[in-house]
Amino acid sequence: MPRPIHGAENYFTCAASKFYREASMKFPSGMPLLVAIAAGVIVWFPASAPAGSDFWFAQITDTHWGKDDNLERTKKAVGAINSLPVEVAFVVHTGDITDRSANGAVALENGLAILKELKYPVYFAPGNNDIPKNRFKEASADFAAKFGSLSKLSLTPHAAVITLFDFPGEAVDAKTAPDPIGVLDSLLKLTNRDLPVLVFQHFPITDDLFDQIFHGGWSAQRKSKFAALCEEHHVAAVICGHFHRDELNWIGTIPEFIAPPIAAKMGRQASFRLYHFENGRISYFTEYF
């Protein structure tokens, strides 16, 4: 058993086969950490983490930086989150960080400069605008260089936060794209059983309704595997973006929350989500501005 490390200022998040440093998040002073090593993955986690029975967290999604007035909308969201009447444990961006039609590198730097003003740690899941299928190798490498890994597990003092690259295998080069179900399985096996598990991803796995037609999401077989895996590991919720609408679906017994965007695309009003986890149940508020 490794020695506890006291007074650590940084912690590590785990990916399927690598780890990287996240300097933005700090555990409470003096909280001991333990290191666990399994299958080449290193995870740091609190040795005596709180049960996480009551905490708040926020979600932003589909910022599409580089288009319209989306940077200014993001700035307003940051100000609103920082001014909330409750303490937020963390913020998660569920993808489409930049718009594929924009100068992605410049837009990304401008947007990240705005998010640095947040008082809380931020985690990122990639969207299809961040990693277009026709540029998968290049774009996924760029995302990993900036954010660490396409999929990762972050064990915070309140929850096990999984940000999942969830593109269906048939949507990109199947020879290079990771299988999201296999990756999720390996990350869930590393979660701390004392913490609630939250899975954040860009694509909902459920069907989409627009233009009076249901458009299929994942295949029935893949949905079933995903649901069984989440239920086996007692995932509290799957939280997504992409649809640019406010929706609630169910994956077996697990809620799938879909948040509306910050971006102006499709004439949407800017918004973010505030979630409350309390005694094993999740409620939310959608803040429009």
C-alpha atoms as a PDB file:
ATOM      1  CA  MET A   1       0.000   0.000   0.000  1.00  0.00           C
ATOM      2  CA  PRO A   2       1.524   3.357  -0.952  1.00  0.00           C
ATOM      3  CA  ARG A   3       2.170   6.015   1.649  1.00  0.00           C
ATOM      4  CA  PRO A   4      -0.397   8.783   1.992  1.00  0.00           C
ATOM      5  CA  ILE A   5       0.835  12.083   0.592  1.00  0.00           C
ATOM      6  CA  HIS A   6      -0.168  15.053   2.709  1.00  0.00           C
ATOM      7  CA  GLY A   7      -0.679  18.631   1.617  1.00  0.00           C
ATOM      8  CA  ALA A   8      -0.709  17.834  -2.093  1.00  0.00           C
ATOM      9  CA  GLU A   9      -1.747  20.823  -4.193  1.00  0.00           C
ATOM     10  CA  ASN A  10      -2.448  18.977  -7.418  1.00  0.00           C
ATOM     11  CA  TYR A  11      -4.132  15.764  -8.355  1.00  0.00           C
ATOM     12  CA  PHE A  12      -4.143  13.547 -11.370  1.00  0.00           C
ATOM     13  CA  THR A  13      -6.989  12.425 -13.574  1.00  0.00           C
ATOM     14  CA  CYS A  14      -6.938   9.067 -15.252  1.00  0.00           C
ATOM     15  CA  ALA A  15      -7.444   8.233 -18.892  1.00  0.00           C
ATOM     16  CA  ALA A  16      -7.662   4.810 -20.478  1.00  0.00           C
ATOM     17  CA  SER A  17      -3.884   4.472 -20.696  1.00  0.00           C
ATOM     18  CA  LYS A  18      -2.276   7.678 -19.455  1.00  0.00           C
ATOM     19  CA  PHE A  19      -2.358  10.320 -16.745  1.00  0.00           C
ATOM     20  CA  TYR A  20      -1.784  14.026 -16.774  1.00  0.00           C
ATOM     21  CA  ARG A  21      -1.518  16.858 -14.327  1.00  0.00           C
ATOM     22  CA  GLU A  22      -4.393  19.203 -13.539  1.00  0.00           C
ATOM     23  CA  ALA A  23      -3.095  22.181 -11.603  1.00  0.00           C
ATOM     24  CA  SER A  24      -6.420  24.010 -11.462  1.00  0.00           C
ATOM     25  CA  MET A  25      -8.101  21.792  -8.861  1.00  0.00           C
ATOM     26  CA  LYS A  26      -7.009  21.682  -5.233  1.00  0.00           C
ATOM     27  CA  PHE A  27      -8.153  19.383  -2.492  1.00  0.00           C
ATOM     28  CA  PRO A  28      -8.824  20.853   0.938  1.00  0.00           C
ATOM     29  CA  SER A  29      -5.580  21.584   2.735  1.00  0.00           C
ATOM     30  CA  GLY A  30      -4.095  18.567   4.450  1.00  0.00           C
ATOM     31  CA  MET A  31      -6.425  15.995   2.889  1.00  0.00           C
ATOM     32  CA  PRO A  32      -4.395  12.808   2.401  1.00  0.00           C
ATOM     33  CA  LEU A  33      -4.157  11.230  -1.026  1.00  0.00           C
ATOM     34  CA  LEU A  34      -3.512   7.645  -2.012  1.00  0.00           C
ATOM     35  CA  VAL A  35      -2.190   6.463  -5.343  1.00  0.00           C
ATOM     36  CA  ALA A  36      -3.584   3.365  -7.022  1.00  0.00           C
ATOM     37  CA  ILE A  37      -1.889   1.707  -9.985  1.00  0.00           C
ATOM     38  CA  ALA A  38      -3.785  -0.660 -12.256  1.00  0.00           C
ATOM     39  CA  ALA A  39      -3.219  -1.647 -15.864  1.00  0.00           C
ATOM     40  CA  GLY A  40      -0.756   1.172 -16.356  1.00  0.00           C
ATOM     41  CA  VAL A  41      -3.182   3.820 -15.121  1.00  0.00           C
ATOM     42  CA  ILE A  42      -2.385   6.070 -12.176  1.00  0.00           C
ATOM     43  CA  VAL A  43      -5.195   7.692 -10.230  1.00  0.00           C
ATOM     44  CA  TRP A  44      -4.954  10.008  -7.249  1.00  0.00           C
ATOM     45  CA  PHE A  45      -7.932  10.140  -4.956  1.00  0.00           C
ATOM     46  CA  PRO A  46      -8.807  11.330  -1.453  1.00  0.00           C
ATOM     47  CA  ALA A  47      -8.145   8.655   1.171  1.00  0.00           C
ATOM     48  CA  SER A  48     -11.199   9.746   3.128  1.00  0.00           C
ATOM     49  CA  ALA A  49     -13.380  11.533   0.594  1.00  0.00           C
ATOM     50  CA  PRO A  50     -16.766  12.880   1.680  1.00  0.00           C
ATOM     51  CA  ALA A  51     -19.752  10.809   0.646  1.00  0.00           C
ATOM     52  CA  GLY A  52     -20.849  13.660  -1.606  1.00  0.00           C
ATOM     53  CA  SER A  53     -24.465  13.477  -0.456  1.00  0.00           C
ATOM     54  CA  ASP A  54     -25.111  17.171  -1.064  1.00  0.00           C
ATOM     55  CA  PHE A  55     -23.265  19.298  -3.621  1.00  0.00           C
ATOM     56  CA  TRP A  56     -23.848  21.529  -6.632  1.00  0.00           C
ATOM     57  CA  PHE A  57     -22.197  21.494 -10.059  1.00  0.00           C
ATOM     58  CA  ALA A  58     -22.695  23.352 -13.336  1.00  0.00           C
ATOM     59  CA  GLN A  59     -22.728  22.404 -17.009  1.00  0.00           C
ATOM     60  CA  ILE A  60     -22.021  24.522 -20.048  1.00  0.00           C
ATOM     61  CA  THR A  61     -22.228  23.115 -23.539  1.00  0.00           C
ATOM     62  CA  ASP A  62     -22.025  23.938 -27.242  1.00  0.00           C
ATOM     63  CA  THR A  63     -20.220  27.260 -26.939  1.00  0.00           C
ATOM     64  CA  HIS A  64     -19.137  27.165 -30.612  1.00  0.00           C
ATOM     65  CA  TRP A  65     -16.453  29.779 -30.037  1.00  0.00           C
ATOM     66  CA  GLY A  66     -15.409  31.658 -33.156  1.00  0.00           C
ATOM     67  CA  LYS A  67     -18.929  32.197 -34.451  1.00  0.00           C
ATOM     68  CA  ASP A  68     -21.624  34.809 -33.769  1.00  0.00           C
ATOM     69  CA  ASP A  69     -21.327  36.471 -30.340  1.00  0.00           C
ATOM     70  CA  ASN A  70     -20.615  33.185 -28.552  1.00  0.00           C
ATOM     71  CA  LEU A  71     -17.501  34.446 -26.759  1.00  0.00           C
ATOM     72  CA  GLU A  72     -19.512  37.275 -25.232  1.00  0.00           C
ATOM     73  CA  ARG A  73     -22.255  34.806 -24.276  1.00  0.00           C
ATOM     74  CA  THR A  74     -19.638  32.634 -22.571  1.00  0.00           C
ATOM     75  CA  LYS A  75     -18.350  35.649 -20.667  1.00  0.00           C
ATOM     76  CA  LYS A  76     -21.857  36.309 -19.362  1.00  0.00           C
ATOM     77  CA  ALA A  77     -22.218  32.660 -18.340  1.00  0.00           C
ATOM     78  CA  VAL A  78     -18.952  32.803 -16.395  1.00  0.00           C
ATOM     79  CA  GLY A  79     -20.126  35.909 -14.554  1.00  0.00           C
ATOM     80  CA  ALA A  80     -23.461  34.290 -13.748  1.00  0.00           C
ATOM     81  CA  ILE A  81     -21.874  31.049 -12.471  1.00  0.00           C
ATOM     82  CA  ASN A  82     -19.432  33.004 -10.310  1.00  0.00           C
ATOM     83  CA  SER A  83     -22.379  34.936  -8.836  1.00  0.00           C
ATOM     84  CA  LEU A  84     -24.549  31.928  -7.978  1.00  0.00           C
ATOM     85  CA  PRO A  85     -25.948  31.878  -4.428  1.00  0.00           C
ATOM     86  CA  VAL A  86     -24.499  28.385  -3.870  1.00  0.00           C
ATOM     87  CA  GLU A  87     -20.949  27.024  -3.936  1.00  0.00           C
ATOM     88  CA  VAL A  88     -20.290  24.989  -7.073  1.00  0.00           C
ATOM     89  CA  ALA A  89     -17.999  21.956  -6.816  1.00  0.00           C
ATOM     90  CA  PHE A  90     -17.006  21.966 -10.495  1.00  0.00           C
ATOM     91  CA  VAL A  91     -18.106  22.942 -14.010  1.00  0.00           C
ATOM     92  CA  VAL A  92     -18.175  20.589 -17.016  1.00  0.00           C
ATOM     93  CA  HIS A  93     -18.158  21.635 -20.673  1.00  0.00           C
ATOM     94  CA  THR A  94     -19.843  18.892 -22.719  1.00  0.00           C
ATOM     95  CA  GLY A  95     -18.347  19.677 -26.092  1.00  0.00           C
ATOM     96  CA  ASP A  96     -18.492  21.675 -29.289  1.00  0.00           C
ATOM     97  CA  ILE A  97     -16.119  24.057 -27.600  1.00  0.00           C
ATOM     98  CA  THR A  98     -15.244  25.785 -30.884  1.00  0.00           C
ATOM     99  CA  ASP A  99     -17.116  25.935 -34.174  1.00  0.00           C
ATOM    100  CA  ARG A 100     -15.599  23.921 -36.999  1.00  0.00           C
ATOM    101  CA  SER A 101     -16.161  26.807 -39.436  1.00  0.00           C
ATOM    102  CA  ALA A 102     -14.002  29.165 -37.357  1.00  0.00           C
ATOM    103  CA  ASN A 103     -10.276  29.651 -36.800  1.00  0.00           C
ATOM    104  CA  GLY A 104     -10.269  27.033 -34.068  1.00  0.00           C
ATOM    105  CA  ALA A 105      -6.896  27.777 -32.497  1.00  0.00           C
ATOM    106  CA  VAL A 106      -7.553  31.506 -32.041  1.00  0.00           C
ATOM    107  CA  ALA A 107     -11.155  30.970 -30.906  1.00  0.00           C
ATOM    108  CA  LEU A 108     -10.037  28.324 -28.419  1.00  0.00           C
ATOM    109  CA  GLU A 109      -7.418  30.544 -26.814  1.00  0.00           C
ATOM    110  CA  ASN A 110      -9.875  33.440 -26.548  1.00  0.00           C
ATOM    111  CA  GLY A 111     -12.539  31.217 -25.017  1.00  0.00           C
ATOM    112  CA  LEU A 112     -10.221  29.520 -22.549  1.00  0.00           C
ATOM    113  CA  ALA A 113      -9.026  32.936 -21.390  1.00  0.00           C
ATOM    114  CA  ILE A 114     -12.647  33.700 -20.480  1.00  0.00           C
ATOM    115  CA  LEU A 115     -13.121  30.377 -18.665  1.00  0.00           C
ATOM    116  CA  LYS A 116     -10.019  31.064 -16.566  1.00  0.00           C
ATOM    117  CA  GLU A 117     -12.153  33.657 -14.782  1.00  0.00           C
ATOM    118  CA  LEU A 118     -14.342  30.884 -13.334  1.00  0.00           C
ATOM    119  CA  LYS A 119     -13.901  30.362  -9.601  1.00  0.00           C
ATOM    120  CA  TYR A 120     -14.303  26.613 -10.032  1.00  0.00           C
ATOM    121  CA  PRO A 121     -12.418  23.770 -11.752  1.00  0.00           C
ATOM    122  CA  VAL A 122     -13.552  22.966 -15.296  1.00  0.00           C
ATOM    123  CA  TYR A 123     -13.562  19.621 -17.128  1.00  0.00           C
ATOM    124  CA  PHE A 124     -14.007  19.151 -20.876  1.00  0.00           C
ATOM    125  CA  ALA A 125     -15.570  16.473 -23.089  1.00  0.00           C
ATOM    126  CA  PRO A 126     -14.979  16.713 -26.860  1.00  0.00           C
ATOM    127  CA  GLY A 127     -17.765  17.406 -29.346  1.00  0.00           C
ATOM    128  CA  ASN A 128     -18.091  16.681 -33.036  1.00  0.00           C
ATOM    129  CA  ASN A 129     -17.063  20.265 -33.876  1.00  0.00           C
ATOM    130  CA  ASP A 130     -13.909  19.812 -31.801  1.00  0.00           C
ATOM    131  CA  ILE A 131     -13.017  16.501 -33.475  1.00  0.00           C
ATOM    132  CA  PRO A 132     -14.669  16.353 -36.933  1.00  0.00           C
ATOM    133  CA  LYS A 133     -14.758  12.834 -38.330  1.00  0.00           C
ATOM    134  CA  ASN A 134     -12.916  13.878 -41.487  1.00  0.00           C
ATOM    135  CA  ARG A 135     -10.013  15.192 -39.351  1.00  0.00           C
ATOM    136  CA  PHE A 136     -10.131  12.648 -36.574  1.00  0.00           C
ATOM    137  CA  LYS A 137      -6.402  11.896 -36.190  1.00  0.00           C
ATOM    138  CA  GLU A 138      -5.249  15.510 -36.330  1.00  0.00           C
ATOM    139  CA  ALA A 139      -8.100  16.983 -34.293  1.00  0.00           C
ATOM    140  CA  SER A 140      -7.998  14.308 -31.584  1.00  0.00           C
ATOM    141  CA  ALA A 141      -4.250  14.906 -31.179  1.00  0.00           C
ATOM    142  CA  ASP A 142      -4.883  18.652 -30.876  1.00  0.00           C
ATOM    143  CA  PHE A 143      -7.585  18.076 -28.256  1.00  0.00           C
ATOM    144  CA  ALA A 144      -5.355  15.715 -26.261  1.00  0.00           C
ATOM    145  CA  ALA A 145      -2.498  18.219 -26.358  1.00  0.00           C
ATOM    146  CA  LYS A 146      -4.722  20.929 -24.910  1.00  0.00           C
ATOM    147  CA  PHE A 147      -6.939  18.994 -22.483  1.00  0.00           C
ATOM    148  CA  GLY A 148      -5.048  15.772 -21.700  1.00  0.00           C
ATOM    149  CA  SER A 149      -7.058  12.896 -23.093  1.00  0.00           C
ATOM    150  CA  LEU A 150     -10.218  12.277 -25.074  1.00  0.00           C
ATOM    151  CA  SER A 151     -11.764  10.363 -22.150  1.00  0.00           C
ATOM    152  CA  LYS A 152     -10.786  10.635 -18.524  1.00  0.00           C
ATOM    153  CA  LEU A 153     -11.776  10.037 -14.933  1.00  0.00           C
ATOM    154  CA  SER A 154     -11.410  12.767 -12.329  1.00  0.00           C
ATOM    155  CA  LEU A 155     -11.975  11.762  -8.721  1.00  0.00           C
ATOM    156  CA  THR A 156     -12.966  14.982  -7.005  1.00  0.00           C
ATOM    157  CA  PRO A 157     -13.851  15.406  -3.317  1.00  0.00           C
ATOM    158  CA  HIS A 158     -17.549  15.161  -4.243  1.00  0.00           C
ATOM    159  CA  ALA A 159     -17.928  12.877  -7.255  1.00  0.00           C
ATOM    160  CA  ALA A 160     -16.232  10.632  -9.777  1.00  0.00           C
ATOM    161  CA  VAL A 161     -16.411  12.736 -12.943  1.00  0.00           C
ATOM    162  CA  ILE A 162     -16.045  10.880 -16.243  1.00  0.00           C
ATOM    163  CA  THR A 163     -15.724  12.940 -19.432  1.00  0.00           C
ATOM    164  CA  LEU A 164     -16.225  10.510 -22.297  1.00  0.00           C
ATOM    165  CA  PHE A 165     -15.338  10.693 -25.975  1.00  0.00           C
ATOM    166  CA  ASP A 166     -18.577   9.018 -27.034  1.00  0.00           C
ATOM    167  CA  PHE A 167     -18.603   9.243 -30.838  1.00  0.00           C
ATOM    168  CA  PRO A 168     -20.185   6.073 -32.237  1.00  0.00           C
ATOM    169  CA  GLY A 169     -17.516   3.835 -33.772  1.00  0.00           C
ATOM    170  CA  GLU A 170     -19.093   3.972 -37.195  1.00  0.00           C
ATOM    171  CA  ALA A 171     -18.983   7.789 -37.234  1.00  0.00           C
ATOM    172  CA  VAL A 172     -15.180   8.020 -37.472  1.00  0.00           C
ATOM    173  CA  ASP A 173     -12.277   5.913 -38.665  1.00  0.00           C
ATOM    174  CA  ALA A 174     -13.011   2.693 -36.786  1.00  0.00           C
ATOM    175  CA  LYS A 175      -9.353   1.687 -36.943  1.00  0.00           C
ATOM    176  CA  THR A 176      -8.256   4.666 -34.864  1.00  0.00           C
ATOM    177  CA  ALA A 177     -11.344   5.694 -32.875  1.00  0.00           C
ATOM    178  CA  PRO A 178     -11.597   4.251 -29.355  1.00  0.00           C
ATOM    179  CA  ASP A 179     -14.711   2.265 -28.514  1.00  0.00           C
ATOM    180  CA  PRO A 180     -16.592   4.478 -26.023  1.00  0.00           C
ATOM    181  CA  ILE A 181     -18.212   1.511 -24.276  1.00  0.00           C
ATOM    182  CA  GLY A 182     -14.871  -0.211 -23.747  1.00  0.00           C
ATOM    183  CA  VAL A 183     -13.261   3.009 -22.530  1.00  0.00           C
ATOM    184  CA  LEU A 184     -16.172   3.709 -20.176  1.00  0.00           C
ATOM    185  CA  ASP A 185     -15.905   0.182 -18.784  1.00  0.00           C
ATOM    186  CA  SER A 186     -12.219   0.651 -17.927  1.00  0.00           C
ATOM    187  CA  LEU A 187     -12.843   4.044 -16.323  1.00  0.00           C
ATOM    188  CA  LEU A 188     -15.826   2.868 -14.282  1.00  0.00           C
ATOM    189  CA  LYS A 189     -13.727   0.047 -12.837  1.00  0.00           C
ATOM    190  CA  LEU A 190     -11.419   2.684 -11.366  1.00  0.00           C
ATOM    191  CA  THR A 191     -14.101   4.730  -9.633  1.00  0.00           C
ATOM    192  CA  ASN A 192     -14.171   5.142  -5.883  1.00  0.00           C
ATOM    193  CA  ARG A 193     -17.273   3.342  -4.609  1.00  0.00           C
ATOM    194  CA  ASP A 194     -17.765   6.003  -1.932  1.00  0.00           C
ATOM    195  CA  LEU A 195     -18.349   8.705  -4.552  1.00  0.00           C
ATOM    196  CA  PRO A 196     -21.345   9.212  -6.844  1.00  0.00           C
ATOM    197  CA  VAL A 197     -20.436   8.630 -10.508  1.00  0.00           C
ATOM    198  CA  LEU A 198     -21.374  11.190 -13.173  1.00  0.00           C
ATOM    199  CA  VAL A 199     -20.770  10.563 -16.890  1.00  0.00           C
ATOM    200  CA  PHE A 200     -20.470  13.616 -19.147  1.00  0.00           C
ATOM    201  CA  GLN A 201     -20.405  13.258 -22.941  1.00  0.00           C
ATOM    202  CA  HIS A 202     -21.333  15.314 -25.968  1.00  0.00           C
ATOM    203  CA  PHE A 203     -23.736  12.995 -27.795  1.00  0.00           C
ATOM    204  CA  PRO A 204     -26.892  11.683 -26.138  1.00  0.00           C
ATOM    205  CA  ILE A 205     -27.254   7.978 -26.863  1.00  0.00           C
ATOM    206  CA  THR A 206     -31.042   8.273 -27.179  1.00  0.00           C
ATOM    207  CA  ASP A 207     -33.056   9.174 -30.278  1.00  0.00           C
ATOM    208  CA  ASP A 208     -33.493  12.752 -31.438  1.00  0.00           C
ATOM    209  CA  LEU A 209     -36.784  14.310 -32.565  1.00  0.00           C
ATOM    210  CA  PHE A 210     -36.639  17.183 -35.054  1.00  0.00           C
ATOM    211  CA  ASP A 211     -38.580  18.132 -38.196  1.00  0.00           C
ATOM    212  CA  GLN A 212     -41.326  15.818 -36.907  1.00  0.00           C
ATOM    213  CA  ILE A 213     -39.086  12.773 -37.387  1.00  0.00           C
ATOM    214  CA  PHE A 214     -37.299  10.566 -34.843  1.00  0.00           C
ATOM    215  CA  HIS A 215     -33.630  10.257 -35.776  1.00  0.00           C
ATOM    216  CA  GLY A 216     -31.853   7.247 -34.364  1.00  0.00           C
ATOM    217  CA  GLY A 217     -29.033   7.603 -31.856  1.00  0.00           C
ATOM    218  CA  TRP A 218     -27.009   4.546 -30.906  1.00  0.00           C
ATOM    219  CA  SER A 219     -28.105   1.112 -32.054  1.00  0.00           C
ATOM    220  CA  ALA A 220     -30.363  -0.846 -29.712  1.00  0.00           C
ATOM    221  CA  GLN A 221     -27.536  -3.277 -28.941  1.00  0.00           C
ATOM    222  CA  ARG A 222     -25.080  -0.526 -28.046  1.00  0.00           C
ATOM    223  CA  LYS A 223     -27.689   1.289 -25.949  1.00  0.00           C
ATOM    224  CA  SER A 224     -28.338  -1.925 -24.034  1.00  0.00           C
ATOM    225  CA  LYS A 225     -24.626  -2.473 -23.344  1.00  0.00           C
ATOM    226  CA  PHE A 226     -24.174   1.134 -22.274  1.00  0.00           C
ATOM    227  CA  ALA A 227     -27.195   1.000 -19.954  1.00  0.00           C
ATOM    228  CA  ALA A 228     -26.124  -2.299 -18.375  1.00  0.00           C
ATOM    229  CA  LEU A 229     -22.621  -0.969 -17.750  1.00  0.00           C
ATOM    230  CA  CYS A 230     -23.877   2.243 -16.140  1.00  0.00           C
ATOM    231  CA  GLU A 231     -26.382   0.381 -13.968  1.00  0.00           C
ATOM    232  CA  GLU A 232     -23.743  -2.138 -12.873  1.00  0.00           C
ATOM    233  CA  HIS A 233     -21.553   0.695 -11.599  1.00  0.00           C
ATOM    234  CA  HIS A 234     -24.429   2.747 -10.163  1.00  0.00           C
ATOM    235  CA  VAL A 235     -23.904   5.775 -12.393  1.00  0.00           C
ATOM    236  CA  ALA A 236     -26.021   8.628 -11.024  1.00  0.00           C
ATOM    237  CA  ALA A 237     -26.607  10.372 -14.365  1.00  0.00           C
ATOM    238  CA  VAL A 238     -25.422  10.737 -17.945  1.00  0.00           C
ATOM    239  CA  ILE A 239     -25.178  14.423 -18.893  1.00  0.00           C
ATOM    240  CA  CYS A 240     -24.937  15.607 -22.508  1.00  0.00           C
ATOM    241  CA  GLY A 241     -25.245  18.476 -24.972  1.00  0.00           C
ATOM    242  CA  HIS A 242     -25.339  18.410 -28.803  1.00  0.00           C
ATOM    243  CA  PHE A 243     -29.105  18.692 -29.345  1.00  0.00           C
ATOM    244  CA  HIS A 244     -29.158  22.425 -28.493  1.00  0.00           C
ATOM    245  CA  ARG A 245     -32.351  21.723 -26.544  1.00  0.00           C
ATOM    246  CA  ASP A 246     -33.457  21.078 -22.987  1.00  0.00           C
ATOM    247  CA  GLU A 247     -34.443  17.410 -22.669  1.00  0.00           C
ATOM    248  CA  LEU A 248     -34.655  14.505 -20.239  1.00  0.00           C
ATOM    249  CA  ASN A 249     -34.469  10.882 -21.360  1.00  0.00           C
ATOM    250  CA  TRP A 250     -33.792   7.596 -19.581  1.00  0.00           C
ATOM    251  CA  ILE A 251     -31.072   5.030 -20.149  1.00  0.00           C
ATOM    252  CA  GLY A 252     -32.521   2.043 -18.341  1.00  0.00           C
ATOM    253  CA  THR A 253     -32.952   3.375 -14.800  1.00  0.00           C
ATOM    254  CA  ILE A 254     -30.453   6.219 -15.269  1.00  0.00           C
ATOM    255  CA  PRO A 255     -31.476   9.770 -16.226  1.00  0.00           C
ATOM    256  CA  GLU A 256     -29.923  11.295 -19.352  1.00  0.00           C
ATOM    257  CA  PHE A 257     -29.924  15.079 -18.963  1.00  0.00           C
ATOM    258  CA  ILE A 258     -29.490  17.096 -22.183  1.00  0.00           C
ATOM    259  CA  ALA A 259     -28.702  20.780 -21.755  1.00  0.00           C
ATOM    260  CA  PRO A 260     -29.379  23.690 -24.114  1.00  0.00           C
ATOM    261  CA  PRO A 261     -26.390  25.613 -25.492  1.00  0.00           C
ATOM    262  CA  ILE A 262     -24.588  28.851 -24.898  1.00  0.00           C
ATOM    263  CA  ALA A 263     -24.241  29.355 -28.667  1.00  0.00           C
ATOM    264  CA  ALA A 264     -26.660  31.390 -30.770  1.00  0.00           C
ATOM    265  CA  LYS A 265     -26.963  28.622 -33.348  1.00  0.00           C
ATOM    266  CA  MET A 266     -30.578  27.862 -34.333  1.00  0.00           C
ATOM    267  CA  GLY A 267     -31.657  31.106 -32.679  1.00  0.00           C
ATOM    268  CA  ARG A 268     -31.137  29.769 -29.156  1.00  0.00           C
ATOM    269  CA  GLN A 269     -31.045  31.922 -26.036  1.00  0.00           C
ATOM    270  CA  ALA A 270     -27.801  31.462 -24.091  1.00  0.00           C
ATOM    271  CA  SER A 271     -28.019  29.282 -21.002  1.00  0.00           C
ATOM    272  CA  PHE A 272     -26.205  27.032 -18.551  1.00  0.00           C
ATOM    273  CA  ARG A 273     -27.304  24.295 -16.146  1.00  0.00           C
ATOM    274  CA  LEU A 274     -26.987  24.169 -12.368  1.00  0.00           C
ATOM    275  CA  TYR A 275     -27.406  20.697 -10.840  1.00  0.00           C
ATOM    276  CA  HIS A 276     -28.008  19.726  -7.230  1.00  0.00           C
ATOM    277  CA  PHE A 277     -27.009  16.262  -6.045  1.00  0.00           C
ATOM    278  CA  GLU A 278     -28.724  15.490  -2.768  1.00  0.00           C
ATOM    279  CA  ASN A 279     -29.147  12.095  -1.100  1.00  0.00           C
ATOM    280  CA  GLY A 280     -28.621  10.177  -4.311  1.00  0.00           C
ATOM    281  CA  ARG A 281     -31.021  12.278  -6.410  1.00  0.00           C
ATOM    282  CA  ILE A 282     -30.279  14.993  -8.972  1.00  0.00           C
ATOM    283  CA  SER A 283     -32.381  18.051  -9.744  1.00  0.00           C
ATOM    284  CA  TYR A 284     -31.457  20.975 -11.949  1.00  0.00           C
ATOM    285  CA  PHE A 285     -32.127  24.579 -12.843  1.00  0.00           C
ATOM    286  CA  THR A 286     -31.588  26.038 -16.326  1.00  0.00           C
ATOM    287  CA  GLU A 287     -30.404  29.636 -16.226  1.00  0.00           C
ATOM    288  CA  TYR A 288     -31.172  31.682 -19.359  1.00  0.00           C
ATOM    289  CA  PHE A 289     -29.623  35.057 -20.030  1.00  0.00           C
END
